[in-house]
Amino acid sequence: MPLNHGRASHALFLRLVAERQPTLAVQLHDAAGPKPFTCSNLVGGRRQGNQLAVNPSTPLWLRFTGLSAPVSEVLLDIAGHPPAQVELDGRPYRVLRAALNPADHPWAGQGDYTAMLQHHLLRSGPVQRRIHLEFASPTTFHSGGKNVPLPLPALVFGSLLERWEAFSPAALSPDLRRYAEEMVAVARYQLRTRILPFKDSALQVGFVGQVTFLALNSDRYWVGGLHLLAEYAFFAGIGYQTTMGMGQARPAAAPQKTDDA
C-alpha cells in the first residue's frame, strides 16, 4: 500500500464532518492560517521503502483531533456513532471501533483549555525545568522560506503557541516564543530522519524520535507555559502539515540514561 495516507486521511475527515455539519466542513477546507484539527497518517503497518506492508488480520488506526468547540463536538458525535465502513485512498475499510479514552487507546484523550492553563500556570510549587516530547510522525517546520527538519526550541514551542493563540479562549504571553528562543536548550535527543512522499513525487523531510528540552532558569510562569504547550502538543500537533499526517507529538517519559549520555 502507499506509505503516506495523510492526504486521504484529511479528505476522510472532511467527508465525515460534512455528513454532520456541511457548512463547517466548507469553512475548515477554505480557512487560511492554522487549522482547528489534525489528521494522522494510517498507522499499524510496516514500512518497506516507500510502501506500507500490512497484515489483513492486524487492525490499523487513524487519529483525528479538534482544537475548537465546533470541531470537537463533531468528533464526539462521530466517535459516539462511527460509520460501519470508510473509504481511504479508494480502498474500503471496516470500522471496528472509535476511542476517546486513553484507557482504550494510547493516542486517545480529551482536554480543556482552561483546565490545562490552571494546572500548569495557576498552581504553586516547584516546576520541572526539563520537558520531554515524543515526535511520533515526521515533523518539520517552514521558516525563512526553508524546510527546517530540526526540533529547535523556538520553532517547536512557537508552533504550539501559534495554535494556542488561534483557538484558546485563554491567552498566553506572546513573549513565550522569545523565551523559548533565548532560554530553552536541547538537552538530549534520539532522532531519525523520515521522508514522506506526497503527490506529484514531492517529498517532505522530517524527523521522528524523542527530545528533552531544558529551561535555563526556573521562572514559574515561563517554564509552566512550556509544560502547558507540551501537553497541548498531544492535541495540536507540531509544525507543518499537521492536517495531513505530519507532526503528531505528545509528552514523553524521561529517557533512560545510557553510557553515552
C-alpha atoms as a PDB file:
ATOM      1  CA  MET A   1       0.000   0.000   0.000  1.00  0.00           C
ATOM      2  CA  PRO A   2       1.133   3.629  -0.309  1.00  0.00           C
ATOM      3  CA  LEU A   3       3.286   4.772   2.583  1.00  0.00           C
ATOM      4  CA  ASN A   4       1.566   8.120   3.023  1.00  0.00           C
ATOM      5  CA  HIS A   5      -2.188   8.293   3.564  1.00  0.00           C
ATOM      6  CA  GLY A   6      -2.076  11.805   5.025  1.00  0.00           C
ATOM      7  CA  ARG A   7      -3.970  13.475   2.198  1.00  0.00           C
ATOM      8  CA  ALA A   8      -6.536  10.661   2.131  1.00  0.00           C
ATOM      9  CA  SER A   9      -6.943  10.935   5.914  1.00  0.00           C
ATOM     10  CA  HIS A  10      -7.553  14.675   5.549  1.00  0.00           C
ATOM     11  CA  ALA A  11     -10.183  14.026   2.855  1.00  0.00           C
ATOM     12  CA  LEU A  12     -11.908  11.397   5.004  1.00  0.00           C
ATOM     13  CA  PHE A  13     -12.030  13.785   7.961  1.00  0.00           C
ATOM     14  CA  LEU A  14     -13.733  16.476   5.869  1.00  0.00           C
ATOM     15  CA  ARG A  15     -16.225  13.939   4.487  1.00  0.00           C
ATOM     16  CA  LEU A  16     -17.133  12.771   7.992  1.00  0.00           C
ATOM     17  CA  VAL A  17     -17.591  16.381   9.141  1.00  0.00           C
ATOM     18  CA  ALA A  18     -19.638  17.234   6.027  1.00  0.00           C
ATOM     19  CA  GLU A  19     -22.072  14.396   6.759  1.00  0.00           C
ATOM     20  CA  ARG A  20     -22.941  16.129  10.044  1.00  0.00           C
ATOM     21  CA  GLN A  21     -22.085  19.814   9.554  1.00  0.00           C
ATOM     22  CA  PRO A  22     -21.733  20.690   5.841  1.00  0.00           C
ATOM     23  CA  THR A  23     -21.123  24.392   6.475  1.00  0.00           C
ATOM     24  CA  LEU A  24     -18.379  23.654   8.990  1.00  0.00           C
ATOM     25  CA  ALA A  25     -16.659  21.306   6.530  1.00  0.00           C
ATOM     26  CA  VAL A  26     -16.545  24.077   3.911  1.00  0.00           C
ATOM     27  CA  GLN A  27     -15.192  26.548   6.475  1.00  0.00           C
ATOM     28  CA  LEU A  28     -12.455  24.116   7.523  1.00  0.00           C
ATOM     29  CA  HIS A  29     -11.478  23.461   3.926  1.00  0.00           C
ATOM     30  CA  ASP A  30     -11.354  27.133   2.937  1.00  0.00           C
ATOM     31  CA  ALA A  31      -9.898  28.696   6.083  1.00  0.00           C
ATOM     32  CA  ALA A  32      -6.440  30.245   5.898  1.00  0.00           C
ATOM     33  CA  GLY A  33      -3.927  30.059   8.719  1.00  0.00           C
ATOM     34  CA  PRO A  34      -3.812  27.435  11.480  1.00  0.00           C
ATOM     35  CA  LYS A  35      -6.472  24.748  11.176  1.00  0.00           C
ATOM     36  CA  PRO A  36      -8.516  23.682  14.234  1.00  0.00           C
ATOM     37  CA  PHE A  37      -7.920  19.969  13.647  1.00  0.00           C
ATOM     38  CA  THR A  38      -5.247  17.383  12.921  1.00  0.00           C
ATOM     39  CA  CYS A  39      -5.304  14.145  10.935  1.00  0.00           C
ATOM     40  CA  SER A  40      -2.819  11.321  11.322  1.00  0.00           C
ATOM     41  CA  ASN A  41      -1.395   9.003   8.724  1.00  0.00           C
ATOM     42  CA  LEU A  42      -2.631   5.413   8.632  1.00  0.00           C
ATOM     43  CA  VAL A  43      -0.818   3.622  11.468  1.00  0.00           C
ATOM     44  CA  GLY A  44      -0.192  -0.067  12.069  1.00  0.00           C
ATOM     45  CA  GLY A  45       1.692  -1.371   9.069  1.00  0.00           C
ATOM     46  CA  ARG A  46       5.386  -1.876   8.450  1.00  0.00           C
ATOM     47  CA  ARG A  47       7.429   0.451   6.287  1.00  0.00           C
ATOM     48  CA  GLN A  48       9.144  -1.130   3.280  1.00  0.00           C
ATOM     49  CA  GLY A  49      10.902   1.602   1.318  1.00  0.00           C
ATOM     50  CA  ASN A  50       8.186   3.926   0.034  1.00  0.00           C
ATOM     51  CA  GLN A  51       5.410   1.419   0.672  1.00  0.00           C
ATOM     52  CA  LEU A  52       3.412   0.219   3.666  1.00  0.00           C
ATOM     53  CA  ALA A  53       3.158  -3.526   4.232  1.00  0.00           C
ATOM     54  CA  VAL A  54       0.045  -4.539   6.196  1.00  0.00           C
ATOM     55  CA  ASN A  55      -1.403  -7.776   7.505  1.00  0.00           C
ATOM     56  CA  PRO A  56      -5.148  -8.015   6.738  1.00  0.00           C
ATOM     57  CA  SER A  57      -5.760  -9.523  10.191  1.00  0.00           C
ATOM     58  CA  THR A  58      -3.994  -6.692  12.055  1.00  0.00           C
ATOM     59  CA  PRO A  59      -6.121  -3.595  12.846  1.00  0.00           C
ATOM     60  CA  LEU A  60      -4.908  -0.221  11.582  1.00  0.00           C
ATOM     61  CA  TRP A  61      -5.874   3.143  13.040  1.00  0.00           C
ATOM     62  CA  LEU A  62      -6.341   6.811  12.226  1.00  0.00           C
ATOM     63  CA  ARG A  63      -6.439   9.708  14.634  1.00  0.00           C
ATOM     64  CA  PHE A  64      -8.368  12.980  14.355  1.00  0.00           C
ATOM     65  CA  THR A  65      -8.216  15.841  16.877  1.00  0.00           C
ATOM     66  CA  GLY A  66     -10.258  19.009  17.283  1.00  0.00           C
ATOM     67  CA  LEU A  67      -8.865  22.284  18.634  1.00  0.00           C
ATOM     68  CA  SER A  68     -12.117  24.260  18.650  1.00  0.00           C
ATOM     69  CA  ALA A  69     -15.516  23.546  20.182  1.00  0.00           C
ATOM     70  CA  PRO A  70     -17.372  23.080  16.855  1.00  0.00           C
ATOM     71  CA  VAL A  71     -14.834  20.567  15.564  1.00  0.00           C
ATOM     72  CA  SER A  72     -14.603  18.732  18.877  1.00  0.00           C
ATOM     73  CA  GLU A  73     -18.387  18.414  19.072  1.00  0.00           C
ATOM     74  CA  VAL A  74     -18.474  16.802  15.633  1.00  0.00           C
ATOM     75  CA  LEU A  75     -15.671  14.407  16.571  1.00  0.00           C
ATOM     76  CA  LEU A  76     -17.548  13.394  19.730  1.00  0.00           C
ATOM     77  CA  ASP A  77     -20.585  12.645  17.579  1.00  0.00           C
ATOM     78  CA  ILE A  78     -18.500  10.616  15.117  1.00  0.00           C
ATOM     79  CA  ALA A  79     -16.932   8.644  17.951  1.00  0.00           C
ATOM     80  CA  GLY A  80     -20.331   8.010  19.501  1.00  0.00           C
ATOM     81  CA  HIS A  81     -21.839   6.882  16.199  1.00  0.00           C
ATOM     82  CA  PRO A  82     -18.960   5.686  13.999  1.00  0.00           C
ATOM     83  CA  PRO A  83     -19.692   4.571  10.438  1.00  0.00           C
ATOM     84  CA  ALA A  84     -19.579   0.859   9.706  1.00  0.00           C
ATOM     85  CA  GLN A  85     -17.150   1.455   6.842  1.00  0.00           C
ATOM     86  CA  VAL A  86     -14.981   4.253   5.456  1.00  0.00           C
ATOM     87  CA  GLU A  87     -13.038   4.733   2.261  1.00  0.00           C
ATOM     88  CA  LEU A  88      -9.392   5.754   2.306  1.00  0.00           C
ATOM     89  CA  ASP A  89      -7.416   6.292  -0.881  1.00  0.00           C
ATOM     90  CA  GLY A  90     -10.025   4.346  -2.853  1.00  0.00           C
ATOM     91  CA  ARG A  91      -9.990   1.324  -0.523  1.00  0.00           C
ATOM     92  CA  PRO A  92     -12.839   0.312   1.813  1.00  0.00           C
ATOM     93  CA  TYR A  93     -12.068  -0.271   5.494  1.00  0.00           C
ATOM     94  CA  ARG A  94     -14.351  -1.811   8.100  1.00  0.00           C
ATOM     95  CA  VAL A  95     -14.541   0.329  11.231  1.00  0.00           C
ATOM     96  CA  LEU A  96     -14.058  -1.779  14.363  1.00  0.00           C
ATOM     97  CA  ARG A  97     -14.422   0.947  16.999  1.00  0.00           C
ATOM     98  CA  ALA A  98     -13.726   4.548  17.927  1.00  0.00           C
ATOM     99  CA  ALA A  99     -11.787   5.537  21.051  1.00  0.00           C
ATOM    100  CA  LEU A 100     -11.967   8.683  23.184  1.00  0.00           C
ATOM    101  CA  ASN A 101     -10.383   7.400  26.389  1.00  0.00           C
ATOM    102  CA  PRO A 102      -6.632   6.836  26.859  1.00  0.00           C
ATOM    103  CA  ALA A 103      -7.503   3.577  28.602  1.00  0.00           C
ATOM    104  CA  ASP A 104      -8.845   2.362  25.247  1.00  0.00           C
ATOM    105  CA  HIS A 105      -6.014   3.691  23.077  1.00  0.00           C
ATOM    106  CA  PRO A 106      -2.748   5.459  23.992  1.00  0.00           C
ATOM    107  CA  TRP A 107      -3.381   8.206  21.439  1.00  0.00           C
ATOM    108  CA  ALA A 108      -6.960   8.900  22.569  1.00  0.00           C
ATOM    109  CA  GLY A 109      -7.904  11.581  25.066  1.00  0.00           C
ATOM    110  CA  GLN A 110      -9.770  14.782  25.801  1.00  0.00           C
ATOM    111  CA  GLY A 111      -8.697  18.078  27.313  1.00  0.00           C
ATOM    112  CA  ASP A 112      -9.908  21.554  28.182  1.00  0.00           C
ATOM    113  CA  TYR A 113      -8.086  24.826  27.587  1.00  0.00           C
ATOM    114  CA  THR A 114      -8.985  26.389  30.928  1.00  0.00           C
ATOM    115  CA  ALA A 115      -8.197  23.256  32.932  1.00  0.00           C
ATOM    116  CA  MET A 116      -4.823  22.899  31.239  1.00  0.00           C
ATOM    117  CA  LEU A 117      -3.964  26.535  31.951  1.00  0.00           C
ATOM    118  CA  GLN A 118      -4.985  26.243  35.602  1.00  0.00           C
ATOM    119  CA  HIS A 119      -2.986  23.059  36.038  1.00  0.00           C
ATOM    120  CA  HIS A 120       0.253  24.460  34.647  1.00  0.00           C
ATOM    121  CA  LEU A 121       0.152  28.189  35.419  1.00  0.00           C
ATOM    122  CA  LEU A 122      -2.020  28.753  38.480  1.00  0.00           C
ATOM    123  CA  ARG A 123      -0.720  26.138  40.883  1.00  0.00           C
ATOM    124  CA  SER A 124       2.120  26.753  43.312  1.00  0.00           C
ATOM    125  CA  GLY A 125       5.267  24.754  43.981  1.00  0.00           C
ATOM    126  CA  PRO A 126       8.435  23.964  42.034  1.00  0.00           C
ATOM    127  CA  VAL A 127       8.371  23.265  38.328  1.00  0.00           C
ATOM    128  CA  GLN A 128      10.459  20.736  36.415  1.00  0.00           C
ATOM    129  CA  ARG A 129      12.846  22.509  34.038  1.00  0.00           C
ATOM    130  CA  ARG A 130      13.066  19.544  31.649  1.00  0.00           C
ATOM    131  CA  ILE A 131      10.325  18.961  29.075  1.00  0.00           C
ATOM    132  CA  HIS A 132      10.240  15.644  27.214  1.00  0.00           C
ATOM    133  CA  LEU A 133       8.458  15.297  23.881  1.00  0.00           C
ATOM    134  CA  GLU A 134       7.923  12.345  21.553  1.00  0.00           C
ATOM    135  CA  PHE A 135       7.623  13.129  17.837  1.00  0.00           C
ATOM    136  CA  ALA A 136       5.738  10.110  16.511  1.00  0.00           C
ATOM    137  CA  SER A 137       5.285  11.097  12.867  1.00  0.00           C
ATOM    138  CA  PRO A 138       7.660  13.052  10.604  1.00  0.00           C
ATOM    139  CA  THR A 139       7.896  16.636  11.832  1.00  0.00           C
ATOM    140  CA  THR A 140       9.310  19.663  10.092  1.00  0.00           C
ATOM    141  CA  PHE A 141       8.935  23.443  10.006  1.00  0.00           C
ATOM    142  CA  HIS A 142       8.828  26.112   7.321  1.00  0.00           C
ATOM    143  CA  SER A 143      10.961  29.034   8.460  1.00  0.00           C
ATOM    144  CA  GLY A 144      12.554  31.793   6.424  1.00  0.00           C
ATOM    145  CA  GLY A 145      11.370  30.169   3.199  1.00  0.00           C
ATOM    146  CA  LYS A 146      13.167  26.911   4.028  1.00  0.00           C
ATOM    147  CA  ASN A 147      12.264  23.478   5.302  1.00  0.00           C
ATOM    148  CA  VAL A 148      13.779  23.007   8.793  1.00  0.00           C
ATOM    149  CA  PRO A 149      13.550  19.361   9.962  1.00  0.00           C
ATOM    150  CA  LEU A 150      15.078  20.104  13.373  1.00  0.00           C
ATOM    151  CA  PRO A 151      13.460  20.457  16.842  1.00  0.00           C
ATOM    152  CA  LEU A 152      14.713  23.982  17.512  1.00  0.00           C
ATOM    153  CA  PRO A 153      13.003  25.238  20.703  1.00  0.00           C
ATOM    154  CA  ALA A 154      11.704  28.457  19.142  1.00  0.00           C
ATOM    155  CA  LEU A 155      10.122  26.527  16.258  1.00  0.00           C
ATOM    156  CA  VAL A 156       8.630  23.757  18.416  1.00  0.00           C
ATOM    157  CA  PHE A 157       7.094  25.987  21.086  1.00  0.00           C
ATOM    158  CA  GLY A 158       6.380  28.779  18.619  1.00  0.00           C
ATOM    159  CA  SER A 159       4.287  26.394  16.521  1.00  0.00           C
ATOM    160  CA  LEU A 160       2.310  25.329  19.586  1.00  0.00           C
ATOM    161  CA  LEU A 161       1.865  28.905  20.777  1.00  0.00           C
ATOM    162  CA  GLU A 162       0.502  29.926  17.374  1.00  0.00           C
ATOM    163  CA  ARG A 163      -2.214  27.268  17.596  1.00  0.00           C
ATOM    164  CA  TRP A 164      -2.970  28.090  21.223  1.00  0.00           C
ATOM    165  CA  GLU A 165      -3.375  31.775  20.346  1.00  0.00           C
ATOM    166  CA  ALA A 166      -5.639  30.891  17.415  1.00  0.00           C
ATOM    167  CA  PHE A 167      -8.078  28.618  19.256  1.00  0.00           C
ATOM    168  CA  SER A 168      -7.820  29.007  23.033  1.00  0.00           C
ATOM    169  CA  PRO A 169     -10.166  31.365  24.901  1.00  0.00           C
ATOM    170  CA  ALA A 170      -7.359  31.936  27.441  1.00  0.00           C
ATOM    171  CA  ALA A 171      -4.369  33.941  26.226  1.00  0.00           C
ATOM    172  CA  LEU A 172      -0.687  33.278  26.855  1.00  0.00           C
ATOM    173  CA  SER A 173       2.020  35.899  26.677  1.00  0.00           C
ATOM    174  CA  PRO A 174       3.392  36.235  23.129  1.00  0.00           C
ATOM    175  CA  ASP A 175       6.820  36.605  24.764  1.00  0.00           C
ATOM    176  CA  LEU A 176       6.720  32.872  25.463  1.00  0.00           C
ATOM    177  CA  ARG A 177       8.074  32.394  21.944  1.00  0.00           C
ATOM    178  CA  ARG A 178      11.050  34.654  22.706  1.00  0.00           C
ATOM    179  CA  TYR A 179      11.630  32.846  25.996  1.00  0.00           C
ATOM    180  CA  ALA A 180      11.804  29.523  24.106  1.00  0.00           C
ATOM    181  CA  GLU A 181      14.313  31.015  21.671  1.00  0.00           C
ATOM    182  CA  GLU A 182      16.574  32.638  24.269  1.00  0.00           C
ATOM    183  CA  MET A 183      16.203  30.496  27.392  1.00  0.00           C
ATOM    184  CA  VAL A 184      15.494  26.931  26.224  1.00  0.00           C
ATOM    185  CA  ALA A 185      18.126  24.445  25.082  1.00  0.00           C
ATOM    186  CA  VAL A 186      18.021  20.927  23.631  1.00  0.00           C
ATOM    187  CA  ALA A 187      19.433  18.724  26.409  1.00  0.00           C
ATOM    188  CA  ARG A 188      19.065  15.260  24.877  1.00  0.00           C
ATOM    189  CA  TYR A 189      17.653  13.709  21.739  1.00  0.00           C
ATOM    190  CA  GLN A 190      17.224  10.435  19.905  1.00  0.00           C
ATOM    191  CA  LEU A 191      16.095  11.315  16.399  1.00  0.00           C
ATOM    192  CA  ARG A 192      15.887   9.739  12.949  1.00  0.00           C
ATOM    193  CA  THR A 193      15.215  11.267   9.559  1.00  0.00           C
ATOM    194  CA  ARG A 194      11.946  10.237   7.917  1.00  0.00           C
ATOM    195  CA  ILE A 195      10.867  11.106   4.380  1.00  0.00           C
ATOM    196  CA  LEU A 196       7.209  11.107   3.361  1.00  0.00           C
ATOM    197  CA  PRO A 197       6.186  11.029  -0.312  1.00  0.00           C
ATOM    198  CA  PHE A 198       3.377  13.400  -1.271  1.00  0.00           C
ATOM    199  CA  LYS A 199       1.569  13.840  -4.567  1.00  0.00           C
ATOM    200  CA  ASP A 200       3.427  14.721  -7.784  1.00  0.00           C
ATOM    201  CA  SER A 201       6.566  12.977  -6.456  1.00  0.00           C
ATOM    202  CA  ALA A 202       7.090  15.700  -3.837  1.00  0.00           C
ATOM    203  CA  LEU A 203       8.954  14.637  -0.706  1.00  0.00           C
ATOM    204  CA  GLN A 204       8.771  16.032   2.814  1.00  0.00           C
ATOM    205  CA  VAL A 205      11.811  15.506   5.019  1.00  0.00           C
ATOM    206  CA  GLY A 206      11.092  15.340   8.736  1.00  0.00           C
ATOM    207  CA  PHE A 207      12.334  13.844  11.974  1.00  0.00           C
ATOM    208  CA  VAL A 208      10.885  11.367  14.483  1.00  0.00           C
ATOM    209  CA  GLY A 209      12.054  10.393  17.950  1.00  0.00           C
ATOM    210  CA  GLN A 210      12.373  11.930  21.402  1.00  0.00           C
ATOM    211  CA  VAL A 211      13.753  15.275  22.556  1.00  0.00           C
ATOM    212  CA  THR A 212      14.397  16.685  26.019  1.00  0.00           C
ATOM    213  CA  PHE A 213      14.274  20.478  26.269  1.00  0.00           C
ATOM    214  CA  LEU A 214      15.868  22.291  29.201  1.00  0.00           C
ATOM    215  CA  ALA A 215      14.724  25.669  30.516  1.00  0.00           C
ATOM    216  CA  LEU A 216      17.801  27.615  31.587  1.00  0.00           C
ATOM    217  CA  ASN A 217      16.038  29.217  34.543  1.00  0.00           C
ATOM    218  CA  SER A 218      13.194  28.125  36.791  1.00  0.00           C
ATOM    219  CA  ASP A 219      10.797  31.056  36.371  1.00  0.00           C
ATOM    220  CA  ARG A 220       7.406  29.608  37.332  1.00  0.00           C
ATOM    221  CA  TYR A 221       5.341  31.315  34.627  1.00  0.00           C
ATOM    222  CA  TRP A 222       7.604  30.744  31.649  1.00  0.00           C
ATOM    223  CA  VAL A 223       8.514  27.141  32.445  1.00  0.00           C
ATOM    224  CA  GLY A 224       4.894  26.385  33.307  1.00  0.00           C
ATOM    225  CA  GLY A 225       3.968  27.766  29.902  1.00  0.00           C
ATOM    226  CA  LEU A 226       6.359  25.354  28.223  1.00  0.00           C
ATOM    227  CA  HIS A 227       4.796  22.401  30.044  1.00  0.00           C
ATOM    228  CA  LEU A 228       1.348  23.676  29.075  1.00  0.00           C
ATOM    229  CA  LEU A 229       2.313  23.793  25.398  1.00  0.00           C
ATOM    230  CA  ALA A 230       3.931  20.357  25.634  1.00  0.00           C
ATOM    231  CA  GLU A 231       0.628  18.915  26.900  1.00  0.00           C
ATOM    232  CA  TYR A 232      -1.211  20.801  24.144  1.00  0.00           C
ATOM    233  CA  ALA A 233       1.030  19.119  21.553  1.00  0.00           C
ATOM    234  CA  PHE A 234      -0.941  15.902  22.108  1.00  0.00           C
ATOM    235  CA  PHE A 235      -3.955  17.596  20.512  1.00  0.00           C
ATOM    236  CA  ALA A 236      -2.475  20.342  18.330  1.00  0.00           C
ATOM    237  CA  GLY A 237       0.444  18.592  16.658  1.00  0.00           C
ATOM    238  CA  ILE A 238       3.657  20.431  15.879  1.00  0.00           C
ATOM    239  CA  GLY A 239       4.996  22.064  12.754  1.00  0.00           C
ATOM    240  CA  TYR A 240       3.990  21.674   9.117  1.00  0.00           C
ATOM    241  CA  GLN A 241       1.182  19.597   7.539  1.00  0.00           C
ATOM    242  CA  THR A 242      -0.400  18.505  10.816  1.00  0.00           C
ATOM    243  CA  THR A 243      -3.707  18.068   8.972  1.00  0.00           C
ATOM    244  CA  MET A 244      -2.079  15.527   6.642  1.00  0.00           C
ATOM    245  CA  GLY A 245      -0.271  13.151   8.963  1.00  0.00           C
ATOM    246  CA  MET A 246       2.824  15.069   9.989  1.00  0.00           C
ATOM    247  CA  GLY A 247       3.761  16.475  13.402  1.00  0.00           C
ATOM    248  CA  GLN A 248       1.950  14.005  15.660  1.00  0.00           C
ATOM    249  CA  ALA A 249       3.558  14.557  19.063  1.00  0.00           C
ATOM    250  CA  ARG A 250       2.965  14.067  22.789  1.00  0.00           C
ATOM    251  CA  PRO A 251       4.682  14.457  26.177  1.00  0.00           C
ATOM    252  CA  ALA A 252       7.060  11.595  26.901  1.00  0.00           C
ATOM    253  CA  ALA A 253       8.593   9.998  29.948  1.00  0.00           C
ATOM    254  CA  ALA A 254      12.127  10.970  30.862  1.00  0.00           C
ATOM    255  CA  PRO A 255      14.580   8.923  28.748  1.00  0.00           C
ATOM    256  CA  GLN A 256      16.682   6.326  30.470  1.00  0.00           C
ATOM    257  CA  LYS A 257      20.328   7.263  30.894  1.00  0.00           C
ATOM    258  CA  THR A 258      22.887   5.396  28.826  1.00  0.00           C
ATOM    259  CA  ASP A 259      26.677   5.165  28.933  1.00  0.00           C
ATOM    260  CA  ASP A 260      26.996   7.620  26.045  1.00  0.00           C
ATOM    261  CA  ALA A 261      24.551  10.172  27.521  1.00  0.00           C
END
